Amino acid sequence: MTAETLLLLISYVLLIGVVVTIHESIHWCFALLFRRQPRVTFDRFLTPTVRYHNTHVDWQNLIISGSAPLLLFSFGIWVEGDGGAWVVVKILCLANIFNFFPVTTDGQMIFLSLVKMIQKQRRCKTTKKLTQKSASLQNQKK
């Protein structure tokens, strides 16, 4: 392995670390914005992970989990990948599209938040219909 190859390998690994750190920093900022007491832990081969207190507010969970993939994917579309390190940055940012699928932690949170929001919406509609039926039955009795 030549010195140039080793230098390229090290720079690519560092770029991956930078993009992962930015990804987790975005989660941390949004968790902080919603006052969720975020903390950074290191899981699986020193990978930073943001954990926060879950208040079960589904739309906030959706924003916290979806913010980093959305922002980094958007940046990946926007950035010019003419050569060198920018190509790697562009690829790493565009790869955040996979974080929307439920096979990743972000994707699981996004999916779970959406499912819970839909369930709550249906429950509200059902409750509203039952209330209206009950009121109409009471009016008919009078």
C-alpha atoms as a PDB file:
ATOM      1  CA  MET A   1       0.000   0.000   0.000  1.00  0.00           C
ATOM      2  CA  THR A   2       1.476   3.300  -1.049  1.00  0.00           C
ATOM      3  CA  ALA A   3       1.518   6.420   1.083  1.00  0.00           C
ATOM      4  CA  GLU A   4      -0.927   8.102  -1.300  1.00  0.00           C
ATOM      5  CA  THR A   5      -3.424   5.241  -0.994  1.00  0.00           C
ATOM      6  CA  LEU A   6      -3.114   5.281   2.774  1.00  0.00           C
ATOM      7  CA  LEU A   7      -3.663   9.045   2.835  1.00  0.00           C
ATOM      8  CA  LEU A   8      -6.789   8.705   0.667  1.00  0.00           C
ATOM      9  CA  LEU A   9      -8.131   5.942   2.881  1.00  0.00           C
ATOM     10  CA  ILE A  10      -7.572   8.013   6.022  1.00  0.00           C
ATOM     11  CA  SER A  11      -9.201  11.074   4.454  1.00  0.00           C
ATOM     12  CA  TYR A  12     -12.264   9.056   3.400  1.00  0.00           C
ATOM     13  CA  VAL A  13     -12.629   7.606   6.884  1.00  0.00           C
ATOM     14  CA  LEU A  14     -12.363  11.119   8.339  1.00  0.00           C
ATOM     15  CA  LEU A  15     -15.007  12.400   5.900  1.00  0.00           C
ATOM     16  CA  ILE A  16     -17.346   9.612   6.961  1.00  0.00           C
ATOM     17  CA  GLY A  17     -16.756  10.610  10.574  1.00  0.00           C
ATOM     18  CA  VAL A  18     -17.481  14.260   9.797  1.00  0.00           C
ATOM     19  CA  VAL A  19     -20.751  13.488   7.976  1.00  0.00           C
ATOM     20  CA  VAL A  20     -21.896  11.125  10.755  1.00  0.00           C
ATOM     21  CA  THR A  21     -21.067  13.786  13.346  1.00  0.00           C
ATOM     22  CA  ILE A  22     -23.032  16.411  11.398  1.00  0.00           C
ATOM     23  CA  HIS A  23     -25.944  13.966  11.079  1.00  0.00           C
ATOM     24  CA  GLU A  24     -26.065  13.341  14.819  1.00  0.00           C
ATOM     25  CA  SER A  25     -25.532  17.047  15.573  1.00  0.00           C
ATOM     26  CA  ILE A  26     -28.671  17.880  13.599  1.00  0.00           C
ATOM     27  CA  HIS A  27     -30.639  15.353  15.684  1.00  0.00           C
ATOM     28  CA  TRP A  28     -29.130  16.851  18.841  1.00  0.00           C
ATOM     29  CA  CYS A  29     -30.088  20.419  17.830  1.00  0.00           C
ATOM     30  CA  PHE A  30     -33.701  19.487  17.097  1.00  0.00           C
ATOM     31  CA  ALA A  31     -33.984  17.439  20.304  1.00  0.00           C
ATOM     32  CA  LEU A  32     -32.613  20.437  22.193  1.00  0.00           C
ATOM     33  CA  LEU A  33     -35.085  22.714  20.393  1.00  0.00           C
ATOM     34  CA  PHE A  34     -37.966  20.580  21.691  1.00  0.00           C
ATOM     35  CA  ARG A  35     -36.400  20.442  25.193  1.00  0.00           C
ATOM     36  CA  ARG A  36     -35.848  16.687  25.135  1.00  0.00           C
ATOM     37  CA  GLN A  37     -32.580  16.637  27.139  1.00  0.00           C
ATOM     38  CA  PRO A  38     -30.409  15.102  24.401  1.00  0.00           C
ATOM     39  CA  ARG A  39     -27.232  13.228  25.215  1.00  0.00           C
ATOM     40  CA  VAL A  40     -24.611  11.691  22.980  1.00  0.00           C
ATOM     41  CA  THR A  41     -23.565   8.084  23.472  1.00  0.00           C
ATOM     42  CA  PHE A  42     -21.176   5.966  21.464  1.00  0.00           C
ATOM     43  CA  ASP A  43     -22.566   2.674  20.190  1.00  0.00           C
ATOM     44  CA  ARG A  44     -21.340   0.115  17.697  1.00  0.00           C
ATOM     45  CA  PHE A  45     -17.723   0.782  16.866  1.00  0.00           C
ATOM     46  CA  LEU A  46     -17.565   4.285  18.343  1.00  0.00           C
ATOM     47  CA  THR A  47     -20.511   5.582  16.327  1.00  0.00           C
ATOM     48  CA  PRO A  48     -22.110   8.619  17.979  1.00  0.00           C
ATOM     49  CA  THR A  49     -25.803   8.259  18.737  1.00  0.00           C
ATOM     50  CA  VAL A  50     -28.146  10.907  20.108  1.00  0.00           C
ATOM     51  CA  ARG A  51     -30.572   9.746  22.755  1.00  0.00           C
ATOM     52  CA  TYR A  52     -33.244  11.947  24.253  1.00  0.00           C
ATOM     53  CA  HIS A  53     -36.172  11.862  26.652  1.00  0.00           C
ATOM     54  CA  ASN A  54     -39.285  10.699  24.805  1.00  0.00           C
ATOM     55  CA  THR A  55     -42.346  12.753  25.739  1.00  0.00           C
ATOM     56  CA  HIS A  56     -44.505  10.788  23.262  1.00  0.00           C
ATOM     57  CA  VAL A  57     -45.292  13.853  21.173  1.00  0.00           C
ATOM     58  CA  ASP A  58     -45.304  12.127  17.808  1.00  0.00           C
ATOM     59  CA  TRP A  59     -44.905  15.145  15.532  1.00  0.00           C
ATOM     60  CA  GLN A  60     -41.819  16.211  17.494  1.00  0.00           C
ATOM     61  CA  ASN A  61     -40.367  12.695  17.263  1.00  0.00           C
ATOM     62  CA  LEU A  62     -41.022  12.801  13.520  1.00  0.00           C
ATOM     63  CA  ILE A  63     -39.188  16.110  13.135  1.00  0.00           C
ATOM     64  CA  ILE A  64     -36.252  15.048  15.316  1.00  0.00           C
ATOM     65  CA  SER A  65     -35.766  11.747  13.505  1.00  0.00           C
ATOM     66  CA  GLY A  66     -36.426  13.057   9.996  1.00  0.00           C
ATOM     67  CA  SER A  67     -34.463  16.297  10.209  1.00  0.00           C
ATOM     68  CA  ALA A  68     -30.945  14.936   9.731  1.00  0.00           C
ATOM     69  CA  PRO A  69     -31.674  12.661   6.758  1.00  0.00           C
ATOM     70  CA  LEU A  70     -33.742  15.370   5.075  1.00  0.00           C
ATOM     71  CA  LEU A  71     -31.188  18.149   5.554  1.00  0.00           C
ATOM     72  CA  LEU A  72     -28.190  16.040   4.564  1.00  0.00           C
ATOM     73  CA  PHE A  73     -29.960  14.548   1.542  1.00  0.00           C
ATOM     74  CA  SER A  74     -30.935  18.062   0.446  1.00  0.00           C
ATOM     75  CA  PHE A  75     -27.337  19.195   0.887  1.00  0.00           C
ATOM     76  CA  GLY A  76     -26.196  16.202  -1.175  1.00  0.00           C
ATOM     77  CA  ILE A  77     -28.467  17.271  -4.021  1.00  0.00           C
ATOM     78  CA  TRP A  78     -27.259  20.864  -3.784  1.00  0.00           C
ATOM     79  CA  VAL A  79     -23.475  20.343  -3.475  1.00  0.00           C
ATOM     80  CA  GLU A  80     -21.357  20.082  -6.615  1.00  0.00           C
ATOM     81  CA  GLY A  81     -19.499  16.771  -6.751  1.00  0.00           C
ATOM     82  CA  ASP A  82     -16.837  17.785  -9.248  1.00  0.00           C
ATOM     83  CA  GLY A  83     -14.056  15.718  -7.826  1.00  0.00           C
ATOM     84  CA  GLY A  84     -11.961  14.802  -4.865  1.00  0.00           C
ATOM     85  CA  ALA A  85     -13.483  14.868  -1.429  1.00  0.00           C
ATOM     86  CA  TRP A  86     -16.679  16.609  -2.583  1.00  0.00           C
ATOM     87  CA  VAL A  87     -17.705  13.473  -4.482  1.00  0.00           C
ATOM     88  CA  VAL A  88     -17.428  11.480  -1.267  1.00  0.00           C
ATOM     89  CA  VAL A  89     -19.339  14.135   0.690  1.00  0.00           C
ATOM     90  CA  LYS A  90     -22.068  14.169  -1.969  1.00  0.00           C
ATOM     91  CA  ILE A  91     -22.377  10.364  -1.927  1.00  0.00           C
ATOM     92  CA  LEU A  92     -22.473  10.250   1.876  1.00  0.00           C
ATOM     93  CA  CYS A  93     -25.139  12.955   2.013  1.00  0.00           C
ATOM     94  CA  LEU A  94     -27.239  11.318  -0.695  1.00  0.00           C
ATOM     95  CA  ALA A  95     -26.939   7.991   1.127  1.00  0.00           C
ATOM     96  CA  ASN A  96     -29.040   9.533   3.896  1.00  0.00           C
ATOM     97  CA  ILE A  97     -32.083   8.642   1.788  1.00  0.00           C
ATOM     98  CA  PHE A  98     -31.760   5.147   3.281  1.00  0.00           C
ATOM     99  CA  ASN A  99     -32.410   6.626   6.731  1.00  0.00           C
ATOM    100  CA  PHE A 100     -36.037   7.128   5.719  1.00  0.00           C
ATOM    101  CA  PHE A 101     -36.567   3.356   5.473  1.00  0.00           C
ATOM    102  CA  PRO A 102     -37.577   1.452   8.632  1.00  0.00           C
ATOM    103  CA  VAL A 103     -34.422  -0.678   8.554  1.00  0.00           C
ATOM    104  CA  THR A 104     -32.522   2.166  10.255  1.00  0.00           C
ATOM    105  CA  THR A 105     -33.135   3.736  13.654  1.00  0.00           C
ATOM    106  CA  ASP A 106     -34.194   7.028  12.061  1.00  0.00           C
ATOM    107  CA  GLY A 107     -36.530   5.224   9.690  1.00  0.00           C
ATOM    108  CA  GLN A 108     -38.080   3.238  12.522  1.00  0.00           C
ATOM    109  CA  MET A 109     -38.791   6.423  14.476  1.00  0.00           C
ATOM    110  CA  ILE A 110     -40.226   8.126  11.385  1.00  0.00           C
ATOM    111  CA  PHE A 111     -42.443   5.124  10.614  1.00  0.00           C
ATOM    112  CA  LEU A 112     -43.587   4.700  14.221  1.00  0.00           C
ATOM    113  CA  SER A 113     -44.370   8.409  14.571  1.00  0.00           C
ATOM    114  CA  LEU A 114     -46.398   8.425  11.353  1.00  0.00           C
ATOM    115  CA  VAL A 115     -48.334   5.296  12.364  1.00  0.00           C
ATOM    116  CA  LYS A 116     -49.150   6.741  15.787  1.00  0.00           C
ATOM    117  CA  MET A 117     -50.209  10.071  14.273  1.00  0.00           C
ATOM    118  CA  ILE A 118     -52.541   8.287  11.834  1.00  0.00           C
ATOM    119  CA  GLN A 119     -53.973   6.131  14.637  1.00  0.00           C
ATOM    120  CA  LYS A 120     -54.655   9.202  16.786  1.00  0.00           C
ATOM    121  CA  GLN A 121     -56.295  10.936  13.824  1.00  0.00           C
ATOM    122  CA  ARG A 122     -58.580   7.940  13.255  1.00  0.00           C
ATOM    123  CA  ARG A 123     -59.431   7.726  16.957  1.00  0.00           C
ATOM    124  CA  CYS A 124     -60.381  11.411  16.998  1.00  0.00           C
ATOM    125  CA  LYS A 125     -62.616  10.978  13.946  1.00  0.00           C
ATOM    126  CA  THR A 126     -64.254   7.883  15.454  1.00  0.00           C
ATOM    127  CA  THR A 127     -64.827   9.643  18.782  1.00  0.00           C
ATOM    128  CA  LYS A 128     -66.284  12.648  16.989  1.00  0.00           C
ATOM    129  CA  LYS A 129     -68.667  10.435  14.974  1.00  0.00           C
ATOM    130  CA  LEU A 130     -69.773   8.577  18.113  1.00  0.00           C
ATOM    131  CA  THR A 131     -70.390  11.859  19.906  1.00  0.00           C
ATOM    132  CA  GLN A 132     -72.452  13.147  16.989  1.00  0.00           C
ATOM    133  CA  LYS A 133     -74.472   9.896  16.849  1.00  0.00           C
ATOM    134  CA  SER A 134     -75.081  10.037  20.575  1.00  0.00           C
ATOM    135  CA  ALA A 135     -76.230  13.652  20.347  1.00  0.00           C
ATOM    136  CA  SER A 136     -78.553  12.895  17.433  1.00  0.00           C
ATOM    137  CA  LEU A 137     -80.069   9.919  19.296  1.00  0.00           C
ATOM    138  CA  GLN A 138     -80.704  12.084  22.341  1.00  0.00           C
ATOM    139  CA  ASN A 139     -82.332  14.715  20.141  1.00  0.00           C
ATOM    140  CA  GLN A 140     -84.583  12.052  18.580  1.00  0.00           C
ATOM    141  CA  LYS A 141     -85.730  10.873  22.016  1.00  0.00           C
ATOM    142  CA  LYS A 142     -86.843  14.391  22.884  1.00  0.00           C
END
